Amino acid sequence: MINPGLSSLFIFLVFLASLLAVETKKVFRAVLFMSLAGILTSVIFVLWKAPDVAMTEAAIGAGFTTFLFLMALNRIKGKEK
């Protein structure tokens, strides 16, 4: 059985991480908060008994996307010098 209180807590945490990603002034922090939102979304999918979706979200949404953003950020910082 799905615990609605626990799901609500993680949904709120995803909302908070997303809001912090948008509102932060530093791009690196924004990428980290975005990654946190992806990881928390994966936890929500596990709670909702959808492990296949959770693994996909963790791999693509949190892992690969974060990697791409950090690589792009690294390239942009390298060209600014």
Protein backbone atom coordinates (compact mmCIF):
# COMPACT_ATOMS: atom_id res chain seq x y z
CA MET A 1 0.00 0.00 0.00
CA ILE A 2 1.23 3.45 -0.90
CA ASN A 3 1.76 5.80 2.03
CA PRO A 4 0.20 9.12 0.95
CA GLY A 5 2.05 11.10 3.63
CA LEU A 6 5.45 9.85 2.50
CA SER A 7 4.58 10.44 -1.17
CA SER A 8 3.42 13.96 -0.35
CA LEU A 9 6.67 14.65 1.48
CA PHE A 10 8.79 13.58 -1.49
CA ILE A 11 6.58 15.50 -3.92
CA PHE A 12 7.10 18.61 -1.79
CA LEU A 13 10.87 17.98 -1.75
CA VAL A 14 10.88 17.70 -5.57
CA PHE A 15 8.98 20.97 -5.76
CA LEU A 16 11.44 22.61 -3.36
CA ALA A 17 14.51 21.34 -5.25
CA SER A 18 13.01 22.50 -8.55
CA LEU A 19 12.24 25.92 -7.12
CA LEU A 20 15.78 26.22 -5.78
CA ALA A 21 17.17 25.19 -9.19
CA VAL A 22 15.25 28.00 -10.83
CA GLU A 23 15.91 30.66 -8.21
CA THR A 24 19.62 30.10 -7.51
CA LYS A 25 22.12 32.52 -9.02
CA LYS A 26 24.91 30.00 -9.63
CA VAL A 27 24.56 27.64 -12.58
CA PHE A 28 26.44 24.80 -10.88
CA ARG A 29 24.04 24.85 -7.94
CA ALA A 30 21.10 24.90 -10.34
CA VAL A 31 22.40 21.74 -12.01
CA LEU A 32 22.84 20.05 -8.62
CA PHE A 33 19.33 20.99 -7.50
CA MET A 34 17.97 19.70 -10.82
CA SER A 35 19.80 16.43 -10.23
CA LEU A 36 18.38 16.24 -6.72
CA ALA A 37 14.88 16.71 -8.10
CA GLY A 38 15.50 13.80 -10.50
CA ILE A 39 16.74 11.53 -7.73
CA LEU A 40 13.78 12.41 -5.52
CA THR A 41 11.44 11.72 -8.43
CA SER A 42 13.03 8.28 -8.70
CA VAL A 43 12.27 7.68 -5.04
CA ILE A 44 8.65 8.65 -5.65
CA PHE A 45 8.39 6.11 -8.45
CA VAL A 46 9.81 3.42 -6.16
CA LEU A 47 7.22 4.33 -3.53
CA TRP A 48 4.53 4.06 -6.20
CA LYS A 49 5.83 0.57 -7.06
CA ALA A 50 7.13 1.47 -10.51
CA PRO A 51 10.78 0.37 -10.28
CA ASP A 52 11.28 0.32 -14.06
CA VAL A 53 10.29 3.98 -14.33
CA ALA A 54 12.39 4.78 -11.26
CA MET A 55 15.50 3.23 -12.79
CA THR A 56 14.93 5.09 -16.05
CA GLU A 57 14.45 8.40 -14.23
CA ALA A 58 17.56 7.83 -12.12
CA ALA A 59 19.69 6.88 -15.12
CA ILE A 60 18.46 9.47 -17.62
CA GLY A 61 16.80 12.20 -15.58
CA ALA A 62 19.33 12.41 -12.77
CA GLY A 63 22.45 10.77 -14.15
CA PHE A 64 22.90 11.39 -17.86
CA THR A 65 21.22 14.80 -17.96
CA THR A 66 23.32 16.04 -15.05
CA PHE A 67 26.44 14.74 -16.78
CA LEU A 68 25.53 16.59 -19.98
CA PHE A 69 24.83 19.84 -18.16
CA LEU A 70 28.11 19.63 -16.23
CA MET A 71 30.06 18.89 -19.42
CA ALA A 72 28.41 21.86 -21.17
CA LEU A 73 29.12 24.08 -18.17
CA ASN A 74 32.75 22.96 -18.21
CA ARG A 75 33.05 23.83 -21.91
CA ILE A 76 31.47 27.22 -21.44
CA LYS A 77 33.79 28.02 -18.51
CA GLY A 78 36.79 26.88 -20.58
CA LYS A 79 35.94 29.20 -23.47
CA GLU A 80 35.46 32.21 -21.18
CA LYS A 81 39.12 32.17 -20.09
